[in-house]
């Protein structure tokens, strides 16, 4: 029996970094790197590295990227039998071209395949996931499938990572079905319909989530830390000074740590501390998931 089920996206992330100033309409010499990403996939890898038994549900193309992503998770001990590789589809890809100073000049994404996570997929994995202690979902699936999944697994604590401000809207009507949510500030604004421009507005927005039925809320604020509340205890936790190699994947690591905290019965403040430790570890790595992530790293003083 797996402790955690994650239903979410897999992507292949391709990044190009030119050696000199970009010249449009021409071939530019530079460094190209590829790694596997996707919010659901990143949360899953982090959990596996934390020692959690986890089952992953997703769809990808039956291509080099899809097979590689599944093999990498399987090698970490993840249960990947519920990842569907579709021969008629391409694995979701996010392509970014950086400029000379490392900022993104151009991005292109093809995420259509992720919407193939359908009600039929949810039905097919129900028996595998119904004994999980918590199930995590991201909003890469359609609004209809997200609604169906939350009704199907209504007797299991559900965790939500909204992925992005654009996709967070998909969860707005059903937000009260989630035990725990971890939006960033912009995602929280979209879901709540409230502006968050100061401390008072932050508290009011977090309280709105609690009023909808959410049990635990973590609103991440980038360099500003995280605001957390369970309706009884709340606080703003600032990050400790830390080396930052890349902020990519920090939110996914935080989400994994919150799920880990639920499994271990941590109170909300301890869960926030654990999330901050995981996010700091992610930012010390060039990759979205720090290969040194572990339970010991999370819990070290």
Protein backbone atom coordinates (compact mmCIF):
# COMPACT_ATOMS: atom_id res chain seq x y z
CA UNK A 1 0.00 0.00 0.00
CA UNK A 2 1.35 3.42 -0.94
CA UNK A 3 1.01 6.18 1.64
CA UNK A 4 0.54 8.93 -0.94
CA UNK A 5 -1.01 9.22 -4.38
CA UNK A 6 -0.09 12.12 -6.66
CA UNK A 7 -2.19 12.95 -9.72
CA UNK A 8 -0.47 15.53 -11.88
CA UNK A 9 1.71 16.51 -14.79
CA UNK A 10 4.95 15.34 -16.37
CA UNK A 11 6.91 17.66 -18.62
CA UNK A 12 10.21 17.66 -20.41
CA UNK A 13 11.91 20.98 -19.69
CA UNK A 14 14.33 22.17 -22.37
CA UNK A 15 16.42 25.27 -21.74
CA UNK A 16 18.72 27.07 -24.15
CA UNK A 17 21.36 29.53 -22.93
CA UNK A 18 23.31 31.39 -25.65
CA UNK A 19 27.02 32.05 -25.33
CA UNK A 20 26.64 35.53 -26.81
CA UNK A 21 23.86 38.02 -27.55
CA UNK A 22 20.89 36.36 -29.25
CA UNK A 23 20.53 36.97 -32.97
CA UNK A 24 16.96 36.47 -34.13
CA UNK A 25 16.39 34.54 -37.35
CA UNK A 26 19.74 32.78 -37.03
CA UNK A 27 21.28 29.75 -35.37
CA UNK A 28 22.81 30.75 -32.03
CA UNK A 29 25.58 28.71 -30.40
CA UNK A 30 24.91 27.96 -26.77
CA UNK A 31 24.25 25.38 -24.11
CA UNK A 32 21.06 23.27 -24.22
CA UNK A 33 19.90 21.21 -21.26
CA UNK A 34 16.93 18.92 -20.73
CA UNK A 35 15.40 17.70 -17.49
CA UNK A 36 12.11 16.24 -16.38
CA UNK A 37 9.60 18.49 -14.67
CA UNK A 38 5.93 19.04 -14.05
CA UNK A 39 4.50 20.01 -10.67
CA UNK A 40 3.03 16.58 -9.92
CA UNK A 41 6.16 14.79 -11.07
CA UNK A 42 8.44 17.07 -9.03
CA UNK A 43 6.34 16.61 -5.89
CA UNK A 44 6.47 12.85 -6.45
CA UNK A 45 10.26 12.77 -6.83
CA UNK A 46 10.74 14.89 -3.73
CA UNK A 47 8.48 12.58 -1.71
CA UNK A 48 10.35 9.50 -2.93
CA UNK A 49 13.65 11.07 -1.88
CA UNK A 50 12.08 11.82 1.52
CA UNK A 51 11.45 8.10 1.95
CA UNK A 52 7.68 8.21 1.32
CA UNK A 53 5.97 5.39 -0.57
CA UNK A 54 4.17 7.15 -3.40
CA UNK A 55 2.10 6.24 -6.45
CA UNK A 56 2.08 8.62 -9.41
CA UNK A 57 -0.79 9.06 -11.87
CA UNK A 58 -0.17 10.96 -15.11
CA UNK A 59 -0.13 10.79 -18.89
CA UNK A 60 2.74 11.33 -21.30
CA UNK A 61 3.68 10.47 -24.83
CA UNK A 62 5.13 7.06 -25.59
CA UNK A 63 8.32 8.78 -26.68
CA UNK A 64 11.89 9.25 -25.49
CA UNK A 65 10.96 11.92 -22.95
CA UNK A 66 7.94 10.10 -21.55
CA UNK A 67 9.69 6.76 -21.18
CA UNK A 68 12.72 8.44 -19.62
CA UNK A 69 10.64 10.32 -17.07
CA UNK A 70 8.83 7.17 -16.01
CA UNK A 71 12.06 5.17 -15.79
CA UNK A 72 13.69 7.84 -13.62
CA UNK A 73 10.81 7.78 -11.12
CA UNK A 74 10.68 3.99 -11.14
CA UNK A 75 14.40 3.86 -10.29
CA UNK A 76 13.61 5.96 -7.19
CA UNK A 77 11.02 3.41 -6.05
CA UNK A 78 7.91 5.28 -7.20
CA UNK A 79 4.90 3.18 -8.19
CA UNK A 80 4.47 4.22 -11.84
CA UNK A 81 2.02 1.59 -13.04
CA UNK A 82 -0.67 4.29 -13.33
CA UNK A 83 1.32 6.50 -15.70
CA UNK A 84 -0.14 6.11 -19.18
CA UNK A 85 2.22 6.47 -22.16
CA UNK A 86 0.12 7.34 -25.20
CA UNK A 87 1.60 6.49 -28.63
CA UNK A 88 -0.52 9.11 -30.39
CA UNK A 89 0.66 11.97 -28.16
CA UNK A 90 3.86 13.86 -27.42
CA UNK A 91 5.07 14.30 -23.85
CA UNK A 92 4.35 17.80 -22.57
CA UNK A 93 7.31 20.07 -23.27
CA UNK A 94 8.32 23.45 -21.90
CA UNK A 95 10.97 25.15 -24.02
CA UNK A 96 12.70 28.30 -22.79
CA UNK A 97 15.35 30.39 -24.54
CA UNK A 98 17.35 32.55 -22.17
CA UNK A 99 19.26 35.70 -22.99
CA UNK A 100 22.89 36.41 -22.24
CA UNK A 101 22.25 37.34 -18.60
CA UNK A 102 20.08 34.31 -17.92
CA UNK A 103 16.61 35.86 -18.10
CA UNK A 104 14.01 34.21 -20.31
CA UNK A 105 13.81 35.76 -23.75
CA UNK A 106 11.22 33.39 -25.17
CA UNK A 107 9.17 30.47 -23.92
CA UNK A 108 7.05 27.91 -25.74
CA UNK A 109 4.98 25.18 -24.17
CA UNK A 110 2.86 22.28 -25.38
CA UNK A 111 0.87 20.90 -22.44
CA UNK A 112 -2.15 19.53 -24.33
CA UNK A 113 -1.46 15.90 -23.39
CA UNK A 114 -1.89 16.65 -19.68
CA UNK A 115 -5.58 17.24 -20.26
CA UNK A 116 -5.87 13.57 -21.22
CA UNK A 117 -6.06 12.86 -17.48
CA UNK A 118 -9.80 12.22 -17.64
CA UNK A 119 -12.59 10.87 -15.46
CA UNK A 120 -11.87 7.46 -17.00
CA UNK A 121 -8.29 7.68 -15.76
CA UNK A 122 -9.52 8.61 -12.27
CA UNK A 123 -11.88 5.61 -12.28
CA UNK A 124 -9.10 3.29 -13.40
CA UNK A 125 -6.79 4.27 -10.53
CA UNK A 126 -9.40 4.39 -7.78
CA UNK A 127 -8.65 0.92 -6.41
CA UNK A 128 -4.92 1.70 -6.32
CA UNK A 129 -5.32 5.00 -4.47
CA UNK A 130 -8.32 4.49 -2.19
CA UNK A 131 -6.12 3.31 0.70
CA UNK A 132 -3.71 6.28 0.51
CA UNK A 133 -3.43 8.48 3.57
CA UNK A 134 -3.41 11.63 1.43
CA UNK A 135 -3.74 12.37 -2.28
CA UNK A 136 -2.10 15.35 -3.97
CA UNK A 137 -3.46 16.96 -7.11
CA UNK A 138 -2.21 19.71 -9.38
CA UNK A 139 -4.33 21.75 -11.77
CA UNK A 140 -2.84 20.49 -15.02
CA UNK A 141 -6.00 18.44 -15.54
CA UNK A 142 -9.21 20.04 -16.76
CA UNK A 143 -11.68 21.68 -14.40
CA UNK A 144 -14.15 18.86 -15.05
CA UNK A 145 -11.63 16.14 -14.19
CA UNK A 146 -10.48 18.00 -11.09
CA UNK A 147 -14.10 18.22 -9.96
CA UNK A 148 -14.60 14.51 -10.62
CA UNK A 149 -11.41 13.48 -8.82
CA UNK A 150 -12.27 15.46 -5.69
CA UNK A 151 -15.70 13.85 -5.55
CA UNK A 152 -14.29 10.37 -6.21
CA UNK A 153 -11.73 10.66 -3.41
CA UNK A 154 -13.89 12.72 -1.02
CA UNK A 155 -13.15 10.41 1.92
CA UNK A 156 -9.37 10.91 1.70
CA UNK A 157 -7.55 14.12 2.72
CA UNK A 158 -6.73 16.00 -0.49
CA UNK A 159 -3.82 18.37 -1.10
CA UNK A 160 -3.79 20.98 -3.89
CA UNK A 161 -0.92 22.70 -5.64
CA UNK A 162 -2.54 25.20 -8.06
CA UNK A 163 0.47 25.17 -10.50
CA UNK A 164 0.04 28.70 -11.86
CA UNK A 165 -2.22 31.72 -11.69
CA UNK A 166 -3.66 30.81 -15.11
CA UNK A 167 -4.62 27.30 -14.03
CA UNK A 168 -5.59 28.12 -10.42
CA UNK A 169 -9.04 29.25 -11.60
CA UNK A 170 -9.86 25.58 -12.27
CA UNK A 171 -9.96 24.90 -8.52
CA UNK A 172 -11.91 27.95 -7.39
CA UNK A 173 -15.40 26.42 -7.32
CA UNK A 174 -14.27 23.31 -5.41
CA UNK A 175 -11.58 24.70 -3.14
CA UNK A 176 -13.45 23.69 0.02
CA UNK A 177 -13.01 20.01 -0.84
CA UNK A 178 -9.28 20.20 -0.14
CA UNK A 179 -7.79 19.49 3.26
CA UNK A 180 -4.62 21.47 2.49
CA UNK A 181 -3.77 24.02 -0.20
CA UNK A 182 -0.46 25.63 -1.12
CA UNK A 183 -0.97 28.55 -3.51
CA UNK A 184 1.53 31.33 -4.06
CA UNK A 185 0.30 34.89 -3.67
CA UNK A 186 -0.96 35.29 -7.25
CA UNK A 187 -2.68 31.89 -7.23
CA UNK A 188 -4.35 32.74 -3.90
CA UNK A 189 -5.63 35.99 -5.42
CA UNK A 190 -7.15 34.14 -8.38
CA UNK A 191 -8.84 31.47 -6.26
CA UNK A 192 -10.14 33.81 -3.55
CA UNK A 193 -10.96 36.73 -5.84
CA UNK A 194 -9.21 39.01 -3.35
CA UNK A 195 -6.16 41.24 -3.76
CA UNK A 196 -3.16 40.46 -1.56
CA UNK A 197 -1.01 43.57 -1.39
CA UNK A 198 -0.33 43.87 2.33
CA UNK A 199 -0.36 41.88 5.57
CA UNK A 200 -4.04 42.55 6.35
CA UNK A 201 -5.15 41.40 2.90
CA UNK A 202 -2.94 38.31 3.24
CA UNK A 203 -4.65 37.36 6.50
CA UNK A 204 -8.12 37.97 5.05
CA UNK A 205 -7.41 35.86 1.99
CA UNK A 206 -6.07 32.99 4.09
CA UNK A 207 -9.14 33.24 6.33
CA UNK A 208 -11.34 33.03 3.22
CA UNK A 209 -9.84 29.62 2.40
CA UNK A 210 -10.55 28.40 5.93
CA UNK A 211 -14.13 29.67 5.63
CA UNK A 212 -14.58 27.58 2.48
CA UNK A 213 -13.68 24.43 4.42
CA UNK A 214 -9.92 24.14 3.84
CA UNK A 215 -8.18 22.82 6.95
CA UNK A 216 -4.64 24.08 6.30
CA UNK A 217 -3.47 26.96 4.12
CA UNK A 218 0.10 27.81 3.10
CA UNK A 219 0.43 30.94 0.93
CA UNK A 220 3.99 31.13 -0.33
CA UNK A 221 5.49 34.57 -0.91
CA UNK A 222 8.80 33.88 -2.66
CA UNK A 223 11.59 35.73 -0.85
CA UNK A 224 8.96 36.88 1.68
CA UNK A 225 8.53 33.37 3.06
CA UNK A 226 5.16 31.74 3.77
CA UNK A 227 1.96 32.67 5.57
CA UNK A 228 0.28 29.69 7.20
CA UNK A 229 -2.98 29.15 9.05
CA UNK A 230 -5.31 26.37 10.18
CA UNK A 231 -7.90 28.74 11.61
CA UNK A 232 -6.43 28.43 15.10
CA UNK A 233 -2.73 29.08 14.67
CA UNK A 234 -1.26 31.34 12.02
CA UNK A 235 1.95 33.15 11.28
CA UNK A 236 4.35 34.56 8.73
CA UNK A 237 7.59 32.61 8.47
CA UNK A 238 10.56 34.30 6.83
CA UNK A 239 13.31 32.29 5.10
CA UNK A 240 16.75 31.98 6.61
CA UNK A 241 19.61 33.36 4.50
CA UNK A 242 20.54 30.66 2.03
CA UNK A 243 22.50 30.12 -1.15
CA UNK A 244 20.28 30.40 -4.22
CA UNK A 245 21.39 28.59 -7.36
CA UNK A 246 17.91 28.37 -8.90
CA UNK A 247 14.44 29.04 -7.51
CA UNK A 248 12.89 26.55 -9.95
CA UNK A 249 11.14 23.76 -8.09
CA UNK A 250 11.17 25.43 -4.67
CA UNK A 251 7.38 25.49 -4.49
CA UNK A 252 7.15 21.83 -5.51
CA UNK A 253 9.60 20.88 -2.75
CA UNK A 254 7.53 22.89 -0.27
CA UNK A 255 4.41 21.02 -1.36
CA UNK A 256 6.11 17.64 -0.92
CA UNK A 257 7.27 18.64 2.56
CA UNK A 258 3.73 19.67 3.55
CA UNK A 259 2.46 16.24 2.46
CA UNK A 260 5.32 14.60 4.38
CA UNK A 261 4.33 16.68 7.42
CA UNK A 262 0.73 15.47 7.19
CA UNK A 263 1.90 11.85 7.22
CA UNK A 264 4.01 12.53 10.30
CA UNK A 265 1.37 14.43 12.24
CA UNK A 266 3.27 17.72 12.39
CA UNK A 267 1.39 20.78 13.62
CA UNK A 268 1.02 23.59 11.13
CA UNK A 269 4.02 25.58 12.31
CA UNK A 270 6.26 22.51 12.10
CA UNK A 271 4.83 21.79 8.66
CA UNK A 272 5.70 25.33 7.54
CA UNK A 273 9.24 24.96 8.91
CA UNK A 274 9.64 21.66 7.08
CA UNK A 275 8.35 23.22 3.88
CA UNK A 276 10.79 26.09 4.16
CA UNK A 277 13.67 23.66 4.69
CA UNK A 278 12.67 21.72 1.58
CA UNK A 279 12.34 24.89 -0.51
CA UNK A 280 15.78 26.08 0.63
CA UNK A 281 17.27 22.73 -0.35
CA UNK A 282 15.65 22.95 -3.79
CA UNK A 283 17.13 26.41 -4.37
CA UNK A 284 20.62 25.10 -3.70
CA UNK A 285 20.34 22.85 -6.77
CA UNK A 286 20.51 23.57 -10.50
CA UNK A 287 17.79 20.98 -11.09
CA UNK A 288 14.13 21.38 -10.08
CA UNK A 289 14.54 18.58 -7.53
CA UNK A 290 17.69 18.53 -5.42
CA UNK A 291 19.19 15.02 -5.78
CA UNK A 292 20.37 15.34 -2.17
CA UNK A 293 16.80 15.75 -0.87
CA UNK A 294 16.17 13.35 2.01
CA UNK A 295 14.29 12.94 5.25
CA UNK A 296 17.47 13.67 7.20
CA UNK A 297 18.03 16.92 5.29
CA UNK A 298 14.47 18.03 6.04
CA UNK A 299 14.73 17.43 9.76
CA UNK A 300 18.25 18.62 10.49
CA UNK A 301 18.35 21.48 13.03
